[in-house]
Amino acid sequence: MIKADLVTRGTEESEIPRGTAALAVDAIFATMKDALRCGKRIELRGFGVFQICERRRGSARNPRTGVAAEITPGKTVRFKPGKGLRDL
């Protein structure tokens, strides 16, 4: 499912114009991005949790070529599914 599919489903479910549904989806994504950028945790009950985690420095190996590569420290987004999503 892509963003356009979310807009289409929102239009069908709530019977609002497509433009309004697109603005709503964009607003939700923008709010989520801002929250994650600030280091906040996003918890959607029954769906899951998005949070920023520190990525440690380390080394890895490309399985195709066997060339070693360094993993730089940084931050990454982690998703942990909630009970409702796991039970599906």
PDB file of N, CA and C in Angstrom:
ATOM      1  N   MET A   1       0.850  -1.168   0.000  1.00  0.00           N
ATOM      2  CA  MET A   1       0.000   0.000   0.000  1.00  0.00           C
ATOM      3  C   MET A   1       0.900   1.237   0.000  1.00  0.00           C
ATOM      4  N   ILE A   2       0.567   2.184  -0.847  1.00  0.00           N
ATOM      5  CA  ILE A   2       1.338   3.414  -0.938  1.00  0.00           C
ATOM      6  C   ILE A   2       0.471   4.585  -0.457  1.00  0.00           C
ATOM      7  N   LYS A   3       1.069   5.755  -0.418  1.00  0.00           N
ATOM      8  CA  LYS A   3       0.380   6.939   0.100  1.00  0.00           C
ATOM      9  C   LYS A   3      -0.918   7.223  -0.665  1.00  0.00           C
ATOM     10  N   ALA A   4      -0.892   7.066  -1.974  1.00  0.00           N
ATOM     11  CA  ALA A   4      -2.097   7.306  -2.780  1.00  0.00           C
ATOM     12  C   ALA A   4      -3.217   6.340  -2.391  1.00  0.00           C
ATOM     13  N   ASP A   5      -2.857   5.114  -2.039  1.00  0.00           N
ATOM     14  CA  ASP A   5      -3.860   4.140  -1.600  1.00  0.00           C
ATOM     15  C   ASP A   5      -4.488   4.571  -0.271  1.00  0.00           C
ATOM     16  N   LEU A   6      -3.668   5.130   0.618  1.00  0.00           N
ATOM     17  CA  LEU A   6      -4.206   5.640   1.885  1.00  0.00           C
ATOM     18  C   LEU A   6      -5.203   6.763   1.642  1.00  0.00           C
ATOM     19  N   VAL A   7      -4.881   7.657   0.713  1.00  0.00           N
ATOM     20  CA  VAL A   7      -5.784   8.765   0.384  1.00  0.00           C
ATOM     21  C   VAL A   7      -7.087   8.216  -0.193  1.00  0.00           C
ATOM     22  N   THR A   8      -6.986   7.254  -1.087  1.00  0.00           N
ATOM     23  CA  THR A   8      -8.183   6.661  -1.699  1.00  0.00           C
ATOM     24  C   THR A   8      -9.063   5.989  -0.654  1.00  0.00           C
ATOM     25  N   ARG A   9      -8.447   5.205   0.242  1.00  0.00           N
ATOM     26  CA  ARG A   9      -9.227   4.542   1.302  1.00  0.00           C
ATOM     27  C   ARG A   9      -9.867   5.558   2.233  1.00  0.00           C
ATOM     28  N   GLY A  10      -9.147   6.635   2.549  1.00  0.00           N
ATOM     29  CA  GLY A  10      -9.708   7.681   3.395  1.00  0.00           C
ATOM     30  C   GLY A  10     -10.906   8.353   2.746  1.00  0.00           C
ATOM     31  N   THR A  11     -10.820   8.541   1.443  1.00  0.00           N
ATOM     32  CA  THR A  11     -11.927   9.137   0.690  1.00  0.00           C
ATOM     33  C   THR A  11     -13.144   8.218   0.702  1.00  0.00           C
ATOM     34  N   GLU A  12     -12.902   6.928   0.506  1.00  0.00           N
ATOM     35  CA  GLU A  12     -14.014   5.973   0.474  1.00  0.00           C
ATOM     36  C   GLU A  12     -14.652   5.781   1.846  1.00  0.00           C
ATOM     37  N   GLU A  13     -13.834   5.672   2.885  1.00  0.00           N
ATOM     38  CA  GLU A  13     -14.337   5.397   4.231  1.00  0.00           C
ATOM     39  C   GLU A  13     -15.095   6.575   4.828  1.00  0.00           C
ATOM     40  N   SER A  14     -14.595   7.786   4.629  1.00  0.00           N
ATOM     41  CA  SER A  14     -15.193   8.935   5.304  1.00  0.00           C
ATOM     42  C   SER A  14     -16.031   9.821   4.390  1.00  0.00           C
ATOM     43  N   GLU A  15     -16.049   9.511   3.098  1.00  0.00           N
ATOM     44  CA  GLU A  15     -16.830  10.280   2.124  1.00  0.00           C
ATOM     45  C   GLU A  15     -16.471  11.759   2.126  1.00  0.00           C
ATOM     46  N   ILE A  16     -15.168  12.054   2.212  1.00  0.00           N
ATOM     47  CA  ILE A  16     -14.699  13.431   2.088  1.00  0.00           C
ATOM     48  C   ILE A  16     -14.009  13.571   0.738  1.00  0.00           C
ATOM     49  N   PRO A  17     -13.874  14.803   0.245  1.00  0.00           N
ATOM     50  CA  PRO A  17     -13.210  14.992  -1.055  1.00  0.00           C
ATOM     51  C   PRO A  17     -11.767  14.489  -1.034  1.00  0.00           C
ATOM     52  N   ARG A  18     -11.292  14.064  -2.198  1.00  0.00           N
ATOM     53  CA  ARG A  18      -9.943  13.506  -2.316  1.00  0.00           C
ATOM     54  C   ARG A  18      -8.870  14.509  -1.884  1.00  0.00           C
ATOM     55  N   GLY A  19      -9.041  15.766  -2.224  1.00  0.00           N
ATOM     56  CA  GLY A  19      -8.069  16.794  -1.842  1.00  0.00           C
ATOM     57  C   GLY A  19      -7.963  16.951  -0.337  1.00  0.00           C
ATOM     58  N   THR A  20      -9.082  16.900   0.339  1.00  0.00           N
ATOM     59  CA  THR A  20      -9.097  17.010   1.802  1.00  0.00           C
ATOM     60  C   THR A  20      -8.432  15.791   2.437  1.00  0.00           C
ATOM     61  N   ALA A  21      -8.694  14.612   1.883  1.00  0.00           N
ATOM     62  CA  ALA A  21      -8.066  13.394   2.405  1.00  0.00           C
ATOM     63  C   ALA A  21      -6.558  13.433   2.197  1.00  0.00           C
ATOM     64  N   ALA A  22      -6.118  13.947   1.055  1.00  0.00           N
ATOM     65  CA  ALA A  22      -4.680  14.059   0.785  1.00  0.00           C
ATOM     66  C   ALA A  22      -4.022  15.020   1.764  1.00  0.00           C
ATOM     67  N   LEU A  23      -4.690  16.136   2.061  1.00  0.00           N
ATOM     68  CA  LEU A  23      -4.145  17.085   3.045  1.00  0.00           C
ATOM     69  C   LEU A  23      -4.060  16.459   4.431  1.00  0.00           C
ATOM     70  N   ALA A  24      -5.051  15.655   4.792  1.00  0.00           N
ATOM     71  CA  ALA A  24      -5.051  15.001   6.100  1.00  0.00           C
ATOM     72  C   ALA A  24      -3.901  13.998   6.213  1.00  0.00           C
ATOM     73  N   VAL A  25      -3.690  13.201   5.177  1.00  0.00           N
ATOM     74  CA  VAL A  25      -2.594  12.222   5.191  1.00  0.00           C
ATOM     75  C   VAL A  25      -1.250  12.949   5.254  1.00  0.00           C
ATOM     76  N   ASP A  26      -1.090  14.008   4.468  1.00  0.00           N
ATOM     77  CA  ASP A  26       0.150  14.790   4.497  1.00  0.00           C
ATOM     78  C   ASP A  26       0.393  15.392   5.878  1.00  0.00           C
ATOM     79  N   ALA A  27      -0.659  15.889   6.512  1.00  0.00           N
ATOM     80  CA  ALA A  27      -0.527  16.493   7.839  1.00  0.00           C
ATOM     81  C   ALA A  27      -0.115  15.453   8.875  1.00  0.00           C
ATOM     82  N   ILE A  28      -0.682  14.261   8.795  1.00  0.00           N
ATOM     83  CA  ILE A  28      -0.324  13.196   9.734  1.00  0.00           C
ATOM     84  C   ILE A  28       1.139  12.815   9.564  1.00  0.00           C
ATOM     85  N   PHE A  29       1.581  12.625   8.321  1.00  0.00           N
ATOM     86  CA  PHE A  29       2.981  12.256   8.084  1.00  0.00           C
ATOM     87  C   PHE A  29       3.936  13.359   8.523  1.00  0.00           C
ATOM     88  N   ALA A  30       3.585  14.612   8.263  1.00  0.00           N
ATOM     89  CA  ALA A  30       4.437  15.730   8.671  1.00  0.00           C
ATOM     90  C   ALA A  30       4.555  15.804  10.192  1.00  0.00           C
ATOM     91  N   THR A  31       3.449  15.582  10.881  1.00  0.00           N
ATOM     92  CA  THR A  31       3.464  15.594  12.343  1.00  0.00           C
ATOM     93  C   THR A  31       4.317  14.461  12.887  1.00  0.00           C
ATOM     94  N   MET A  32       4.212  13.281  12.288  1.00  0.00           N
ATOM     95  CA  MET A  32       5.021  12.147  12.720  1.00  0.00           C
ATOM     96  C   MET A  32       6.508  12.400  12.485  1.00  0.00           C
ATOM     97  N   LYS A  33       6.856  12.975  11.329  1.00  0.00           N
ATOM     98  CA  LYS A  33       8.257  13.295  11.041  1.00  0.00           C
ATOM     99  C   LYS A  33       8.819  14.297  12.040  1.00  0.00           C
ATOM    100  N   ASP A  34       8.037  15.337  12.346  1.00  0.00           N
ATOM    101  CA  ASP A  34       8.491  16.347  13.309  1.00  0.00           C
ATOM    102  C   ASP A  34       8.701  15.747  14.692  1.00  0.00           C
ATOM    103  N   ALA A  35       7.794  14.875  15.107  1.00  0.00           N
ATOM    104  CA  ALA A  35       7.918  14.245  16.424  1.00  0.00           C
ATOM    105  C   ALA A  35       9.173  13.378  16.486  1.00  0.00           C
ATOM    106  N   LEU A  36       9.418  12.600  15.446  1.00  0.00           N
ATOM    107  CA  LEU A  36      10.610  11.749  15.425  1.00  0.00           C
ATOM    108  C   LEU A  36      11.885  12.585  15.359  1.00  0.00           C
ATOM    109  N   ARG A  37      11.844  13.682  14.621  1.00  0.00           N
ATOM    110  CA  ARG A  37      13.003  14.569  14.529  1.00  0.00           C
ATOM    111  C   ARG A  37      13.355  15.143  15.895  1.00  0.00           C
ATOM    112  N   CYS A  38      12.355  15.389  16.716  1.00  0.00           N
ATOM    113  CA  CYS A  38      12.574  15.914  18.073  1.00  0.00           C
ATOM    114  C   CYS A  38      12.925  14.810  19.064  1.00  0.00           C
ATOM    115  N   GLY A  39      12.950  13.559  18.631  1.00  0.00           N
ATOM    116  CA  GLY A  39      13.297  12.445  19.508  1.00  0.00           C
ATOM    117  C   GLY A  39      12.130  11.891  20.297  1.00  0.00           C
ATOM    118  N   LYS A  40      10.919  12.275  19.933  1.00  0.00           N
ATOM    119  CA  LYS A  40       9.744  11.782  20.652  1.00  0.00           C
ATOM    120  C   LYS A  40       9.341  10.409  20.137  1.00  0.00           C
ATOM    121  N   ARG A  41       8.638   9.690  20.966  1.00  0.00           N
ATOM    122  CA  ARG A  41       8.133   8.364  20.647  1.00  0.00           C
ATOM    123  C   ARG A  41       6.687   8.496  20.164  1.00  0.00           C
ATOM    124  N   ILE A  42       6.324   7.771  19.111  1.00  0.00           N
ATOM    125  CA  ILE A  42       4.963   7.792  18.582  1.00  0.00           C
ATOM    126  C   ILE A  42       4.318   6.449  18.887  1.00  0.00           C
ATOM    127  N   GLU A  43       3.265   6.464  19.690  1.00  0.00           N
ATOM    128  CA  GLU A  43       2.580   5.235  20.069  1.00  0.00           C
ATOM    129  C   GLU A  43       1.161   5.266  19.532  1.00  0.00           C
ATOM    130  N   LEU A  44       0.841   4.304  18.672  1.00  0.00           N
ATOM    131  CA  LEU A  44      -0.496   4.163  18.115  1.00  0.00           C
ATOM    132  C   LEU A  44      -1.074   2.874  18.679  1.00  0.00           C
ATOM    133  N   ARG A  45      -1.954   2.992  19.660  1.00  0.00           N
ATOM    134  CA  ARG A  45      -2.491   1.825  20.363  1.00  0.00           C
ATOM    135  C   ARG A  45      -3.103   0.832  19.390  1.00  0.00           C
ATOM    136  N   GLY A  46      -2.752  -0.415  19.542  1.00  0.00           N
ATOM    137  CA  GLY A  46      -3.262  -1.476  18.687  1.00  0.00           C
ATOM    138  C   GLY A  46      -2.497  -1.618  17.385  1.00  0.00           C
ATOM    139  N   PHE A  47      -1.639  -0.647  17.055  1.00  0.00           N
ATOM    140  CA  PHE A  47      -0.861  -0.713  15.819  1.00  0.00           C
ATOM    141  C   PHE A  47       0.614  -0.910  16.108  1.00  0.00           C
ATOM    142  N   GLY A  48       1.216   0.018  16.851  1.00  0.00           N
ATOM    143  CA  GLY A  48       2.622  -0.132  17.175  1.00  0.00           C
ATOM    144  C   GLY A  48       3.253   1.153  17.647  1.00  0.00           C
ATOM    145  N   VAL A  49       4.581   1.099  17.816  1.00  0.00           N
ATOM    146  CA  VAL A  49       5.351   2.221  18.338  1.00  0.00           C
ATOM    147  C   VAL A  49       6.506   2.528  17.390  1.00  0.00           C
ATOM    148  N   PHE A  50       6.672   3.796  17.051  1.00  0.00           N
ATOM    149  CA  PHE A  50       7.823   4.278  16.296  1.00  0.00           C
ATOM    150  C   PHE A  50       8.702   5.039  17.269  1.00  0.00           C
ATOM    151  N   GLN A  51      10.015   4.767  17.238  1.00  0.00           N
ATOM    152  CA  GLN A  51      10.914   5.523  18.097  1.00  0.00           C
ATOM    153  C   GLN A  51      12.290   5.593  17.457  1.00  0.00           C
ATOM    154  N   ILE A  52      13.055   6.600  17.864  1.00  0.00           N
ATOM    155  CA  ILE A  52      14.415   6.789  17.383  1.00  0.00           C
ATOM    156  C   ILE A  52      15.358   5.997  18.280  1.00  0.00           C
ATOM    157  N   CYS A  53      16.250   5.224  17.673  1.00  0.00           N
ATOM    158  CA  CYS A  53      17.239   4.454  18.418  1.00  0.00           C
ATOM    159  C   CYS A  53      18.632   4.803  17.899  1.00  0.00           C
ATOM    160  N   GLU A  54      19.592   4.750  18.792  1.00  0.00           N
ATOM    161  CA  GLU A  54      20.982   4.981  18.413  1.00  0.00           C
ATOM    162  C   GLU A  54      21.515   3.741  17.698  1.00  0.00           C
ATOM    163  N   ARG A  55      22.237   3.979  16.613  1.00  0.00           N
ATOM    164  CA  ARG A  55      22.876   2.891  15.887  1.00  0.00           C
ATOM    165  C   ARG A  55      24.356   2.897  16.259  1.00  0.00           C
ATOM    166  N   ARG A  56      24.847   1.767  16.732  1.00  0.00           N
ATOM    167  CA  ARG A  56      26.231   1.688  17.164  1.00  0.00           C
ATOM    168  C   ARG A  56      27.174   1.605  15.966  1.00  0.00           C
ATOM    169  N   ARG A  57      28.408   1.956  16.222  1.00  0.00           N
ATOM    170  CA  ARG A  57      29.434   1.827  15.206  1.00  0.00           C
ATOM    171  C   ARG A  57      29.832   0.360  15.154  1.00  0.00           C
ATOM    172  N   GLY A  58      30.159  -0.121  13.994  1.00  0.00           N
ATOM    173  CA  GLY A  58      30.561  -1.510  13.873  1.00  0.00           C
ATOM    174  C   GLY A  58      31.104  -1.801  12.492  1.00  0.00           C
ATOM    175  N   SER A  59      31.291  -3.049  12.219  1.00  0.00           N
ATOM    176  CA  SER A  59      31.757  -3.440  10.890  1.00  0.00           C
ATOM    177  C   SER A  59      30.809  -4.499  10.340  1.00  0.00           C
ATOM    178  N   ALA A  60      30.718  -4.544   9.044  1.00  0.00           N
ATOM    179  CA  ALA A  60      29.852  -5.504   8.358  1.00  0.00           C
ATOM    180  C   ALA A  60      30.585  -5.997   7.125  1.00  0.00           C
ATOM    181  N   ARG A  61      30.030  -6.986   6.504  1.00  0.00           N
ATOM    182  CA  ARG A  61      30.655  -7.544   5.311  1.00  0.00           C
ATOM    183  C   ARG A  61      29.579  -7.696   4.242  1.00  0.00           C
ATOM    184  N   ASN A  62      29.894  -7.243   3.029  1.00  0.00           N
ATOM    185  CA  ASN A  62      28.995  -7.398   1.898  1.00  0.00           C
ATOM    186  C   ASN A  62      28.957  -8.880   1.531  1.00  0.00           C
ATOM    187  N   PRO A  63      27.789  -9.535   1.590  1.00  0.00           N
ATOM    188  CA  PRO A  63      27.739 -10.972   1.322  1.00  0.00           C
ATOM    189  C   PRO A  63      28.081 -11.348  -0.118  1.00  0.00           C
ATOM    190  N   ARG A  64      27.878 -10.448  -1.057  1.00  0.00           N
ATOM    191  CA  ARG A  64      28.181 -10.755  -2.456  1.00  0.00           C
ATOM    192  C   ARG A  64      29.668 -10.669  -2.760  1.00  0.00           C
ATOM    193  N   THR A  65      30.267  -9.560  -2.321  1.00  0.00           N
ATOM    194  CA  THR A  65      31.663  -9.327  -2.673  1.00  0.00           C
ATOM    195  C   THR A  65      32.631  -9.711  -1.573  1.00  0.00           C
ATOM    196  N   GLY A  66      32.148  -9.793  -0.337  1.00  0.00           N
ATOM    197  CA  GLY A  66      33.029 -10.117   0.774  1.00  0.00           C
ATOM    198  C   GLY A  66      33.834  -8.932   1.278  1.00  0.00           C
ATOM    199  N   VAL A  67      33.589  -7.749   0.738  1.00  0.00           N
ATOM    200  CA  VAL A  67      34.326  -6.554   1.131  1.00  0.00           C
ATOM    201  C   VAL A  67      33.798  -6.057   2.481  1.00  0.00           C
ATOM    202  N   ALA A  68      34.726  -5.743   3.386  1.00  0.00           N
ATOM    203  CA  ALA A  68      34.344  -5.225   4.700  1.00  0.00           C
ATOM    204  C   ALA A  68      33.933  -3.761   4.575  1.00  0.00           C
ATOM    205  N   ALA A  69      32.941  -3.368   5.363  1.00  0.00           N
ATOM    206  CA  ALA A  69      32.455  -1.987   5.367  1.00  0.00           C
ATOM    207  C   ALA A  69      32.227  -1.561   6.809  1.00  0.00           C
ATOM    208  N   GLU A  70      32.513  -0.306   7.083  1.00  0.00           N
ATOM    209  CA  GLU A  70      32.297   0.243   8.414  1.00  0.00           C
ATOM    210  C   GLU A  70      30.874   0.788   8.513  1.00  0.00           C
ATOM    211  N   ILE A  71      30.218   0.521   9.622  1.00  0.00           N
ATOM    212  CA  ILE A  71      28.891   1.069   9.887  1.00  0.00           C
ATOM    213  C   ILE A  71      29.091   2.287  10.770  1.00  0.00           C
ATOM    214  N   THR A  72      28.657   3.430  10.283  1.00  0.00           N
ATOM    215  CA  THR A  72      28.836   4.669  11.038  1.00  0.00           C
ATOM    216  C   THR A  72      27.777   4.784  12.121  1.00  0.00           C
ATOM    217  N   PRO A  73      28.137   5.376  13.265  1.00  0.00           N
ATOM    218  CA  PRO A  73      27.121   5.575  14.299  1.00  0.00           C
ATOM    219  C   PRO A  73      26.111   6.619  13.833  1.00  0.00           C
ATOM    220  N   GLY A  74      24.915   6.485  14.289  1.00  0.00           N
ATOM    221  CA  GLY A  74      23.878   7.426  13.907  1.00  0.00           C
ATOM    222  C   GLY A  74      22.575   7.065  14.583  1.00  0.00           C
ATOM    223  N   LYS A  75      21.503   7.549  14.004  1.00  0.00           N
ATOM    224  CA  LYS A  75      20.175   7.278  14.541  1.00  0.00           C
ATOM    225  C   LYS A  75      19.339   6.616  13.462  1.00  0.00           C
ATOM    226  N   THR A  76      18.415   5.788  13.896  1.00  0.00           N
ATOM    227  CA  THR A  76      17.521   5.105  12.980  1.00  0.00           C
ATOM    228  C   THR A  76      16.139   5.008  13.616  1.00  0.00           C
ATOM    229  N   VAL A  77      15.127   4.829  12.788  1.00  0.00           N
ATOM    230  CA  VAL A  77      13.761   4.687  13.289  1.00  0.00           C
ATOM    231  C   VAL A  77      13.461   3.200  13.439  1.00  0.00           C
ATOM    232  N   ARG A  78      12.938   2.844  14.586  1.00  0.00           N
ATOM    233  CA  ARG A  78      12.542   1.463  14.855  1.00  0.00           C
ATOM    234  C   ARG A  78      11.030   1.404  15.012  1.00  0.00           C
ATOM    235  N   PHE A  79      10.451   0.313  14.522  1.00  0.00           N
ATOM    236  CA  PHE A  79       9.017   0.093  14.669  1.00  0.00           C
ATOM    237  C   PHE A  79       8.814  -1.202  15.422  1.00  0.00           C
ATOM    238  N   LYS A  80       8.015  -1.142  16.472  1.00  0.00           N
ATOM    239  CA  LYS A  80       7.664  -2.336  17.238  1.00  0.00           C
ATOM    240  C   LYS A  80       6.156  -2.508  17.115  1.00  0.00           C
ATOM    241  N   PRO A  81       5.698  -3.600  16.483  1.00  0.00           N
ATOM    242  CA  PRO A  81       4.260  -3.779  16.304  1.00  0.00           C
ATOM    243  C   PRO A  81       3.553  -3.984  17.641  1.00  0.00           C
ATOM    244  N   GLY A  82       2.335  -3.468  17.717  1.00  0.00           N
ATOM    245  CA  GLY A  82       1.520  -3.624  18.905  1.00  0.00           C
ATOM    246  C   GLY A  82       0.807  -4.965  18.911  1.00  0.00           C
ATOM    247  N   LYS A  83       0.146  -5.254  20.001  1.00  0.00           N
ATOM    248  CA  LYS A  83      -0.524  -6.541  20.165  1.00  0.00           C
ATOM    249  C   LYS A  83      -1.595  -6.764  19.100  1.00  0.00           C
ATOM    250  N   GLY A  84      -2.360  -5.726  18.798  1.00  0.00           N
ATOM    251  CA  GLY A  84      -3.397  -5.858  17.774  1.00  0.00           C
ATOM    252  C   GLY A  84      -2.857  -6.216  16.416  1.00  0.00           C
ATOM    253  N   LEU A  85      -1.714  -5.672  16.065  1.00  0.00           N
ATOM    254  CA  LEU A  85      -1.102  -5.971  14.768  1.00  0.00           C
ATOM    255  C   LEU A  85      -0.451  -7.347  14.779  1.00  0.00           C
ATOM    256  N   ARG A  86       0.164  -7.723  15.888  1.00  0.00           N
ATOM    257  CA  ARG A  86       0.787  -9.049  15.985  1.00  0.00           C
ATOM    258  C   ARG A  86      -0.249 -10.158  15.924  1.00  0.00           C
ATOM    259  N   ASP A  87      -1.430  -9.921  16.472  1.00  0.00           N
ATOM    260  CA  ASP A  87      -2.471 -10.946  16.504  1.00  0.00           C
ATOM    261  C   ASP A  87      -3.123 -11.186  15.140  1.00  0.00           C
ATOM    262  N   LEU A  88      -2.877 -10.312  14.180  1.00  0.00           N
ATOM    263  CA  LEU A  88      -3.419 -10.528  12.845  1.00  0.00           C
ATOM    264  C   LEU A  88      -2.716 -11.694  12.261  1.00  0.00           C
TER     265      LEU A  88
END
